[in-house]
N, C-alpha and C. Protein backbone atom coordinates (compact mmCIF):
# COMPACT_ATOMS: atom_id res chain seq x y z
N MET A 1 -25.31 1.92 -18.55
CA MET A 1 -23.86 1.68 -18.71
C MET A 1 -23.50 0.69 -18.47
N THR A 2 -22.80 0.16 -19.45
CA THR A 2 -22.44 -1.30 -18.86
C THR A 2 -20.91 -1.15 -18.16
N PRO A 3 -20.73 -2.08 -17.13
CA PRO A 3 -19.48 -1.62 -16.31
C PRO A 3 -18.03 -2.29 -17.28
N ARG A 4 -17.15 -1.67 -17.00
CA ARG A 4 -15.99 -2.40 -17.63
C ARG A 4 -15.71 -3.42 -16.74
N ARG A 5 -15.26 -4.67 -17.36
CA ARG A 5 -14.97 -6.09 -16.89
C ARG A 5 -13.10 -5.87 -17.17
N SER A 6 -12.81 -6.23 -15.80
CA SER A 6 -11.47 -6.38 -15.67
C SER A 6 -10.78 -7.98 -15.46
N CYS A 7 -9.87 -8.23 -16.44
CA CYS A 7 -9.35 -9.66 -16.34
C CYS A 7 -8.68 -9.94 -15.22
N GLY A 8 -8.99 -11.41 -14.50
CA GLY A 8 -8.48 -11.60 -13.54
C GLY A 8 -9.11 -12.78 -13.06
N ASP A 9 -9.32 -13.36 -11.90
CA ASP A 9 -9.97 -14.62 -11.43
C ASP A 9 -11.49 -14.52 -12.10
N GLU A 10 -11.64 -15.59 -12.91
CA GLU A 10 -13.10 -15.50 -13.71
C GLU A 10 -14.08 -16.15 -12.58
N GLU A 11 -13.75 -16.88 -12.04
CA GLU A 11 -14.72 -17.38 -10.76
C GLU A 11 -15.15 -16.35 -10.26
N GLU A 12 -14.37 -15.95 -9.30
CA GLU A 12 -14.56 -14.83 -8.32
C GLU A 12 -15.43 -13.46 -8.85
N GLU A 13 -15.07 -13.05 -10.05
CA GLU A 13 -15.62 -11.78 -10.44
C GLU A 13 -17.16 -11.37 -10.51
N PRO A 14 -17.72 -12.85 -11.15
CA PRO A 14 -19.26 -12.45 -11.31
C PRO A 14 -19.70 -12.07 -9.84
N GLN A 15 -19.45 -12.96 -8.72
CA GLN A 15 -19.99 -12.42 -7.44
C GLN A 15 -19.20 -11.10 -7.18
N GLU A 16 -18.09 -11.15 -7.29
CA GLU A 16 -17.55 -9.43 -7.11
C GLU A 16 -18.17 -8.37 -7.60
N LEU A 17 -18.45 -8.58 -8.94
CA LEU A 17 -19.31 -7.62 -9.48
C LEU A 17 -20.59 -7.33 -8.99
N LYS A 18 -21.27 -8.32 -8.57
CA LYS A 18 -22.53 -8.58 -8.38
C LYS A 18 -22.45 -7.43 -6.79
N THR A 19 -21.64 -7.68 -6.42
CA THR A 19 -21.41 -7.22 -4.88
C THR A 19 -21.05 -5.71 -4.95
N VAL A 20 -20.38 -5.22 -5.95
CA VAL A 20 -19.71 -3.79 -6.14
C VAL A 20 -21.03 -3.30 -7.08
N MET A 21 -21.94 -3.65 -7.54
CA MET A 21 -22.92 -3.20 -8.28
C MET A 21 -24.16 -2.79 -7.48
N LYS A 22 -24.14 -3.72 -6.07
CA LYS A 22 -25.01 -3.05 -4.96
C LYS A 22 -24.46 -2.10 -4.25
N VAL A 23 -23.26 -1.74 -3.87
CA VAL A 23 -22.85 -0.96 -3.18
C VAL A 23 -22.09 0.63 -3.64
N VAL A 24 -22.03 0.38 -4.93
CA VAL A 24 -21.17 1.42 -5.64
C VAL A 24 -22.37 2.03 -6.34
N PRO A 25 -22.44 3.71 -6.24
CA PRO A 25 -23.47 4.37 -6.83
C PRO A 25 -23.48 4.08 -8.33
N SER A 26 -24.56 4.17 -8.91
CA SER A 26 -24.59 4.22 -10.41
C SER A 26 -23.40 5.31 -11.29
N ALA A 27 -23.45 6.24 -10.63
CA ALA A 27 -22.47 7.45 -11.26
C ALA A 27 -21.19 7.01 -11.47
N TYR A 28 -20.88 5.71 -10.63
CA TYR A 28 -19.47 5.52 -10.52
C TYR A 28 -19.14 4.07 -11.30
N HIS A 29 -20.55 3.67 -11.83
CA HIS A 29 -20.04 2.14 -12.45
C HIS A 29 -19.02 2.16 -13.54
N GLN A 30 -18.71 3.37 -14.44
CA GLN A 30 -17.91 3.65 -15.25
C GLN A 30 -16.43 3.30 -14.78
N TYR A 31 -16.31 3.36 -13.71
CA TYR A 31 -15.09 3.00 -12.89
C TYR A 31 -14.81 1.83 -11.87
N PHE A 32 -15.41 0.70 -12.47
CA PHE A 32 -15.77 -0.62 -11.77
C PHE A 32 -14.46 -1.22 -11.59
N ASP A 33 -13.61 -1.15 -12.52
CA ASP A 33 -12.16 -1.64 -12.32
C ASP A 33 -11.45 -1.50 -10.94
N VAL A 34 -11.74 -0.24 -10.45
CA VAL A 34 -10.91 0.35 -9.60
C VAL A 34 -11.36 -0.55 -8.20
N PHE A 35 -12.61 -0.97 -8.25
CA PHE A 35 -13.14 -1.80 -7.21
C PHE A 35 -12.80 -3.07 -6.76
N PHE A 36 -12.15 -3.59 -7.91
CA PHE A 36 -11.88 -5.30 -7.95
C PHE A 36 -10.90 -5.21 -7.21
N LYS A 37 -10.89 -6.54 -5.92
CA LYS A 37 -9.82 -6.76 -5.37
C LYS A 37 -8.55 -7.59 -6.25
N VAL A 38 -8.72 -8.03 -7.19
CA VAL A 38 -7.66 -8.49 -8.17
C VAL A 38 -6.83 -7.19 -8.67
N LYS A 39 -7.56 -6.33 -9.17
CA LYS A 39 -6.84 -4.94 -9.73
C LYS A 39 -6.14 -4.44 -8.67
N ALA A 40 -6.82 -4.22 -7.50
CA ALA A 40 -6.38 -3.26 -6.38
C ALA A 40 -4.81 -3.96 -5.86
N GLU A 41 -4.63 -5.56 -5.73
CA GLU A 41 -3.51 -5.86 -5.53
C GLU A 41 -2.42 -5.92 -6.58
N LYS A 42 -2.46 -5.15 -7.77
CA LYS A 42 -1.58 -4.93 -8.52
C LYS A 42 -1.16 -3.40 -8.63
N PRO A 43 0.27 -3.36 -8.87
CA PRO A 43 0.78 -1.68 -8.81
C PRO A 43 0.18 -1.16 -10.16
N PRO A 44 0.21 0.33 -10.01
CA PRO A 44 -0.20 0.94 -11.79
C PRO A 44 1.10 0.89 -12.51
N SER A 45 0.89 0.69 -13.63
CA SER A 45 1.72 0.44 -14.70
C SER A 45 2.65 1.80 -14.56
N HIS A 46 3.77 1.57 -14.86
CA HIS A 46 4.82 2.78 -14.91
C HIS A 46 4.38 3.99 -15.99
N SER A 47 4.46 5.06 -15.56
CA SER A 47 4.17 6.18 -16.59
C SER A 47 5.18 7.17 -16.63
N ALA A 48 4.59 8.40 -17.38
CA ALA A 48 5.26 9.48 -16.98
C ALA A 48 5.51 10.29 -15.85
N TRP A 49 4.69 9.94 -14.80
CA TRP A 49 4.42 10.40 -13.56
C TRP A 49 5.31 9.84 -12.38
N ASP A 50 6.02 8.79 -12.87
CA ASP A 50 6.66 8.29 -11.93
C ASP A 50 7.46 8.95 -11.12
N HIS A 51 7.99 8.62 -10.12
CA HIS A 51 8.79 9.72 -9.24
C HIS A 51 9.54 9.03 -8.44
N HIS A 52 10.83 9.37 -7.83
CA HIS A 52 11.62 9.18 -6.84
C HIS A 52 11.55 10.32 -5.80
N ILE A 53 11.53 9.90 -4.51
CA ILE A 53 11.57 11.00 -3.40
C ILE A 53 13.10 11.23 -3.27
N GLU A 54 13.03 12.86 -3.58
CA GLU A 54 14.51 13.17 -3.38
C GLU A 54 14.56 13.95 -2.01
N LEU A 55 15.64 13.74 -1.15
CA LEU A 55 16.04 14.38 0.06
C LEU A 55 16.63 15.58 -0.14
N GLU A 56 16.45 16.74 0.81
CA GLU A 56 17.35 17.61 0.95
C GLU A 56 18.76 17.61 1.28
N PHE A 57 19.02 16.33 2.35
CA PHE A 57 20.26 16.46 2.79
C PHE A 57 20.67 14.92 2.08
N SER A 58 21.94 14.84 2.18
CA SER A 58 22.43 13.56 1.51
C SER A 58 21.90 12.34 2.43
N LEU A 59 22.01 12.26 3.59
CA LEU A 59 21.33 11.17 4.40
C LEU A 59 20.15 11.09 4.75
N PRO A 60 19.34 9.83 4.93
CA PRO A 60 18.00 10.00 5.20
C PRO A 60 17.93 10.02 6.57
N PRO A 61 16.66 10.38 7.14
CA PRO A 61 16.58 10.78 8.50
C PRO A 61 16.85 9.49 9.39
N VAL A 62 17.32 9.59 10.48
CA VAL A 62 17.76 9.22 11.38
C VAL A 62 16.56 9.08 12.88
N GLY A 63 16.32 7.78 13.16
CA GLY A 63 15.25 7.94 14.27
C GLY A 63 15.80 6.68 15.45
N VAL A 64 15.36 6.91 16.42
CA VAL A 64 15.62 5.88 17.73
C VAL A 64 15.04 4.73 17.02
N ILE A 65 15.65 3.23 17.46
CA ILE A 65 15.53 2.11 17.29
C ILE A 65 14.53 1.51 18.43
N TYR A 66 13.36 1.03 18.28
CA TYR A 66 13.02 0.46 19.43
C TYR A 66 12.52 -1.06 19.49
N SER A 67 12.67 -1.64 20.44
CA SER A 67 12.52 -3.03 20.31
C SER A 67 11.05 -3.52 20.02
N SER A 68 10.94 -4.62 19.39
CA SER A 68 9.51 -4.92 19.15
C SER A 68 9.01 -6.51 19.51
N SER A 69 8.10 -6.57 19.83
CA SER A 69 7.50 -8.02 20.32
C SER A 69 7.52 -9.03 18.88
N ASN A 70 7.49 -10.17 19.47
CA ASN A 70 7.53 -11.15 18.15
C ASN A 70 6.11 -11.04 17.31
N GLN A 71 5.15 -10.49 17.75
CA GLN A 71 4.07 -10.57 17.10
C GLN A 71 4.12 -9.42 16.18
N GLU A 72 4.50 -8.29 16.37
CA GLU A 72 4.89 -7.15 16.01
C GLU A 72 5.82 -7.42 14.72
N SER A 73 7.12 -8.10 15.29
CA SER A 73 8.08 -8.17 14.14
C SER A 73 7.49 -9.40 13.05
N ASP A 74 6.60 -10.03 13.33
CA ASP A 74 5.89 -11.05 12.38
C ASP A 74 5.10 -10.23 11.54
N THR A 75 4.30 -9.57 11.95
CA THR A 75 3.35 -8.53 11.30
C THR A 75 4.01 -7.88 10.08
N LEU A 76 5.09 -7.30 10.89
CA LEU A 76 6.08 -6.47 9.97
C LEU A 76 6.48 -7.20 8.99
N ARG A 77 7.37 -8.49 9.22
CA ARG A 77 7.94 -9.27 8.09
C ARG A 77 6.65 -9.53 6.82
N ALA A 78 5.47 -9.74 7.52
CA ALA A 78 4.41 -10.32 6.49
C ALA A 78 3.89 -9.08 5.66
N TYR A 79 3.85 -8.01 6.08
CA TYR A 79 3.69 -6.65 5.43
C TYR A 79 4.66 -6.66 4.27
N ILE A 80 5.89 -6.55 4.73
CA ILE A 80 6.80 -6.39 3.70
C ILE A 80 6.93 -7.34 2.66
N SER A 81 7.02 -8.38 3.07
CA SER A 81 7.00 -9.84 2.16
C SER A 81 5.91 -9.80 1.03
N GLU A 82 4.55 -9.44 1.60
CA GLU A 82 3.46 -9.28 0.84
C GLU A 82 3.31 -8.19 -0.22
N ASN A 83 4.07 -6.93 0.24
CA ASN A 83 4.05 -5.91 -0.47
C ASN A 83 5.47 -5.86 -1.44
N VAL A 84 6.47 -6.30 -1.10
CA VAL A 84 7.54 -6.85 -2.05
C VAL A 84 7.14 -7.74 -3.21
N GLU A 85 6.57 -8.57 -2.92
CA GLU A 85 5.85 -9.75 -3.73
C GLU A 85 4.67 -9.21 -4.96
N LYS A 86 3.91 -8.02 -4.31
CA LYS A 86 3.00 -7.46 -5.17
C LYS A 86 3.64 -6.30 -6.14
N PHE A 87 4.97 -5.95 -5.66
CA PHE A 87 6.00 -4.57 -6.11
C PHE A 87 5.49 -3.52 -5.84
N PHE A 88 4.53 -3.17 -4.86
CA PHE A 88 4.15 -2.36 -4.10
C PHE A 88 5.65 -1.45 -3.60
N ILE A 89 6.18 -2.07 -2.98
CA ILE A 89 7.54 -1.83 -2.67
C ILE A 89 8.56 -2.57 -2.89
N TRP A 90 10.06 -2.23 -2.78
CA TRP A 90 10.91 -2.93 -3.36
C TRP A 90 12.02 -2.76 -2.31
N PRO A 91 12.93 -4.02 -2.04
CA PRO A 91 14.10 -3.85 -0.93
C PRO A 91 15.05 -2.58 -1.04
N SER A 92 15.40 -2.04 -0.25
CA SER A 92 16.25 -0.79 -0.14
C SER A 92 17.79 -1.32 0.24
N SER A 93 18.58 -0.59 -0.23
CA SER A 93 19.90 -0.89 0.01
C SER A 93 20.32 0.12 0.91
N CYS A 94 19.62 1.10 1.48
CA CYS A 94 19.47 2.07 2.95
C CYS A 94 20.06 1.48 4.01
N SER A 95 20.73 1.75 4.73
CA SER A 95 20.94 1.15 6.21
C SER A 95 19.93 1.75 7.18
N LYS A 96 19.04 2.48 6.82
CA LYS A 96 18.27 3.31 7.66
C LYS A 96 16.71 2.74 7.45
N GLY A 97 16.07 2.67 8.47
CA GLY A 97 14.56 2.27 8.30
C GLY A 97 13.64 3.72 8.65
N VAL A 98 12.26 3.33 8.26
CA VAL A 98 11.20 4.05 8.56
C VAL A 98 10.59 3.55 9.75
N PRO A 99 9.95 4.69 10.58
CA PRO A 99 9.17 4.04 11.92
C PRO A 99 7.84 3.32 11.72
N VAL A 100 7.56 2.59 12.22
CA VAL A 100 6.15 1.90 12.12
C VAL A 100 5.68 1.94 13.59
N LEU A 101 4.40 2.02 13.57
CA LEU A 101 3.71 1.84 14.84
C LEU A 101 2.67 0.75 14.97
N PHE A 102 2.41 0.04 15.53
CA PHE A 102 1.32 -0.95 15.62
C PHE A 102 0.19 -0.62 16.30
N PHE A 103 -1.20 -0.85 15.86
CA PHE A 103 -2.26 -0.74 16.80
C PHE A 103 -3.09 -1.91 17.09
N LYS A 104 -3.42 -2.29 18.11
CA LYS A 104 -4.29 -3.47 17.82
C LYS A 104 -5.61 -3.58 17.31
N LYS A 105 -5.89 -4.56 16.80
CA LYS A 105 -7.11 -4.98 15.99
C LYS A 105 -8.28 -5.23 17.02
N LYS A 106 -9.50 -5.29 16.50
CA LYS A 106 -10.19 -6.02 17.44
C LYS A 106 -10.42 -7.38 17.73
N ASP A 107 -10.03 -7.85 16.48
CA ASP A 107 -9.73 -9.27 16.30
C ASP A 107 -8.56 -9.73 17.15
N GLY A 108 -7.71 -8.95 17.47
CA GLY A 108 -6.52 -9.33 18.11
C GLY A 108 -5.12 -9.27 17.25
N GLY A 109 -5.11 -8.97 16.17
CA GLY A 109 -4.12 -8.69 15.25
C GLY A 109 -3.81 -7.38 15.06
N LEU A 110 -2.57 -7.02 14.68
CA LEU A 110 -1.98 -5.85 14.64
C LEU A 110 -2.15 -5.06 13.52
N HIS A 111 -2.30 -3.95 13.50
CA HIS A 111 -2.34 -2.86 12.35
C HIS A 111 -1.39 -1.93 12.03
N LEU A 112 -0.67 -2.05 11.21
CA LEU A 112 0.66 -1.59 10.95
C LEU A 112 0.21 -0.18 10.20
N CYS A 113 0.98 0.81 10.48
CA CYS A 113 0.74 2.09 10.67
C CYS A 113 2.33 3.05 10.33
N VAL A 114 2.79 3.56 9.03
CA VAL A 114 4.01 3.87 8.96
C VAL A 114 4.08 5.45 9.16
N ASP A 115 4.90 5.83 9.88
CA ASP A 115 5.36 7.30 10.45
C ASP A 115 6.15 8.00 9.45
N TYR A 116 5.44 8.81 8.33
CA TYR A 116 6.49 9.47 7.62
C TYR A 116 6.48 10.79 7.88
N HIS A 117 6.52 11.23 9.38
CA HIS A 117 6.81 12.74 9.66
C HIS A 117 8.32 13.38 9.48
N LYS A 118 9.24 12.21 9.67
CA LYS A 118 10.85 12.48 9.72
C LYS A 118 11.39 12.36 8.18
N LEU A 119 10.53 11.54 7.41
CA LEU A 119 10.90 11.51 6.06
C LEU A 119 10.39 12.78 5.53
N ASN A 120 9.10 13.22 5.58
CA ASN A 120 8.72 14.62 5.10
C ASN A 120 9.42 15.60 5.44
N ALA A 121 10.05 15.68 6.64
CA ALA A 121 10.58 16.87 6.96
C ALA A 121 11.87 17.30 6.03
N VAL A 122 12.53 16.08 5.47
CA VAL A 122 13.57 16.28 4.63
C VAL A 122 13.51 16.01 3.35
N THR A 123 12.21 15.69 2.84
CA THR A 123 11.83 15.64 1.42
C THR A 123 12.08 16.87 0.66
N ARG A 124 12.69 17.01 -0.31
CA ARG A 124 12.48 18.07 -1.25
C ARG A 124 10.80 18.15 -2.04
N LYS A 125 10.61 19.22 -1.60
CA LYS A 125 8.79 19.75 -1.94
C LYS A 125 9.16 19.88 -3.56
N ASN A 126 7.95 19.52 -4.30
CA ASN A 126 8.05 19.56 -5.77
C ASN A 126 7.17 20.77 -5.88
N LYS A 127 7.85 21.89 -6.81
CA LYS A 127 7.05 23.00 -6.75
C LYS A 127 6.52 23.47 -8.36
C-alpha cells in the first residue's frame, strides 16, 4: 500500500517519511499523515463534533494560587504562546486559571502538566 502524503515542508518530509516507514508497522501505513510532525502541529479542521465544556455551576472552579519560579513562569508563557499560535488553545476572558504542575526533565528543563481534577468535578457530563 502506498502511504498517503501530506503537504508541508517538502525538504523534511522525504527523510521523515523514511523514518516513519521504519518504525510504524505496515498495518498502519495507511495512516501515515498522523505521524508527521508538520501535520501534528496543526489543529484538526472544525467539524460537527466541535464542542464547548459546559459547567454545572455558573462560576469556574477556584483554587489556590501558588507562586512560581522564573523558570516555571517562562515555561508556562512559552507553552501558552506556542499553543495559541498553533490555535490549540485561545486566550480566555475568564478571570480564573487552571492549576499547572511542573516536573523536572532529565535535561534540566521543565515538563508542564495541567491538572484538570477541579474542572472535571464541575463539568456537565455528556450522556
